[in-house]
Amino acid sequence: FCCIGVYSVQNTTFDVFQTAAFGLIGYLFIKLRCEPAPLLLGFVLGPMMEENFRRSLLLSRGAFTVFVTRPLSLGLLIAAAVLVLIVAMPSIKAKREVAFQEE
């Protein structure tokens, strides 16, 4: 039904092939147990974040120090780094236990 709907919009087979390709990618994500919510947030918020990042660099004339001189932006950067570490720690710990296992 999706392919029929996509074909009826512009009458091109490229759109049908594109729908099939994204369907296969979606099936692959399901098999790999990828969560759809972070992907959706990345697609929606990514372009807005990139635009505002470029805008802030233009206003600061290319100086990256603008992100660490303000307390709020520094706090958010630190919080993001801590969250990345918290998410990565179980994987790192499991790999270390396998690497240092005595036989």
Protein backbone atom coordinates (compact mmCIF):
# COMPACT_ATOMS: atom_id res chain seq x y z
CA PHE A 1 0.00 0.00 0.00
CA CYS A 2 2.87 2.36 0.71
CA CYS A 3 4.36 1.77 -2.72
CA ILE A 4 1.01 2.39 -4.41
CA GLY A 5 0.61 5.64 -2.49
CA VAL A 6 4.15 6.78 -3.28
CA TYR A 7 3.73 5.94 -6.97
CA SER A 8 0.42 7.81 -7.17
CA VAL A 9 1.98 11.08 -5.96
CA GLN A 10 4.49 11.66 -8.80
CA ASN A 11 4.14 8.56 -11.02
CA THR A 12 7.86 7.70 -10.89
CA THR A 13 9.35 4.29 -10.24
CA PHE A 14 12.33 5.88 -8.50
CA ASP A 15 10.06 6.76 -5.57
CA VAL A 16 8.90 3.14 -5.39
CA PHE A 17 12.50 1.87 -5.33
CA GLN A 18 13.38 4.45 -2.71
CA THR A 19 10.45 3.30 -0.57
CA ALA A 20 11.58 -0.32 -0.92
CA ALA A 21 15.16 0.61 0.02
CA PHE A 22 14.06 2.45 3.14
CA GLY A 23 11.78 -0.48 3.99
CA LEU A 24 14.80 -2.80 3.83
CA ILE A 25 16.82 -0.40 5.98
CA GLY A 26 13.98 -0.35 8.49
CA TYR A 27 13.84 -4.15 8.51
CA LEU A 28 17.60 -4.25 9.09
CA PHE A 29 17.23 -1.83 12.02
CA ILE A 30 14.54 -4.05 13.54
CA LYS A 31 16.77 -7.13 13.20
CA LEU A 32 19.70 -5.25 14.78
CA ARG A 33 17.39 -4.08 17.61
CA CYS A 34 17.97 -0.36 16.98
CA GLU A 35 15.57 1.94 18.78
CA PRO A 36 13.59 4.20 16.41
CA ALA A 37 13.14 7.14 18.81
CA PRO A 38 16.79 8.33 18.83
CA LEU A 39 16.94 8.04 15.05
CA LEU A 40 13.79 10.11 14.68
CA LEU A 41 15.10 12.74 17.11
CA GLY A 42 18.37 12.87 15.18
CA PHE A 43 16.60 13.43 11.87
CA VAL A 44 14.35 16.15 13.31
CA LEU A 45 16.75 18.00 15.60
CA GLY A 46 19.99 17.47 13.65
CA PRO A 47 19.49 20.13 10.95
CA MET A 48 18.29 22.69 13.50
CA MET A 49 21.28 22.02 15.74
CA GLU A 50 23.68 22.31 12.81
CA GLU A 51 22.14 25.61 11.70
CA ASN A 52 22.39 27.12 15.18
CA PHE A 53 25.94 25.81 15.59
CA ARG A 54 26.97 27.58 12.38
CA ARG A 55 25.15 30.74 13.47
CA SER A 56 26.98 30.81 16.79
CA LEU A 57 30.32 30.31 15.05
CA LEU A 58 29.53 33.18 12.69
CA LEU A 59 28.65 35.46 15.59
CA SER A 60 31.85 34.54 17.43
CA ARG A 61 33.94 34.88 14.24
CA GLY A 62 34.94 31.21 14.27
CA ALA A 63 36.08 31.01 17.89
CA PHE A 64 35.08 27.73 19.55
CA THR A 65 35.72 29.27 22.98
CA VAL A 66 32.24 30.75 22.90
CA PHE A 67 30.92 27.32 23.90
CA VAL A 68 32.99 27.08 27.08
CA THR A 69 33.03 30.69 28.28
CA ARG A 70 29.33 30.80 29.16
CA PRO A 71 28.36 28.79 32.25
CA LEU A 72 25.15 27.41 30.74
CA SER A 73 26.76 26.08 27.55
CA LEU A 74 29.72 24.70 29.51
CA GLY A 75 27.35 22.92 31.89
CA LEU A 76 25.38 21.41 29.02
CA LEU A 77 28.58 20.22 27.32
CA ILE A 78 29.78 18.61 30.55
CA ALA A 79 26.38 16.98 31.09
CA ALA A 80 26.42 15.59 27.54
CA ALA A 81 29.94 14.19 28.03
CA VAL A 82 28.93 12.56 31.33
CA LEU A 83 25.85 11.00 29.73
CA VAL A 84 27.92 9.59 26.88
CA LEU A 85 30.31 8.06 29.41
CA ILE A 86 27.45 6.58 31.43
CA VAL A 87 26.00 4.97 28.33
CA ALA A 88 29.39 3.64 27.17
CA MET A 89 30.57 2.28 30.54
CA PRO A 90 28.66 -1.06 30.54
CA SER A 91 30.04 -1.92 27.11
CA ILE A 92 33.58 -0.99 28.11
CA LYS A 93 33.28 -2.92 31.37
CA ALA A 94 32.04 -6.05 29.60
CA LYS A 95 34.89 -5.93 27.10
CA ARG A 96 37.44 -5.49 29.89
CA GLU A 97 36.04 -8.49 31.79
CA VAL A 98 36.38 -10.66 28.69
CA ALA A 99 39.90 -9.37 27.94
CA PHE A 100 41.23 -9.92 31.48
CA GLN A 101 39.54 -13.25 32.09
CA GLU A 102 41.89 -15.94 33.39
CA GLU A 103 41.86 -19.23 31.61
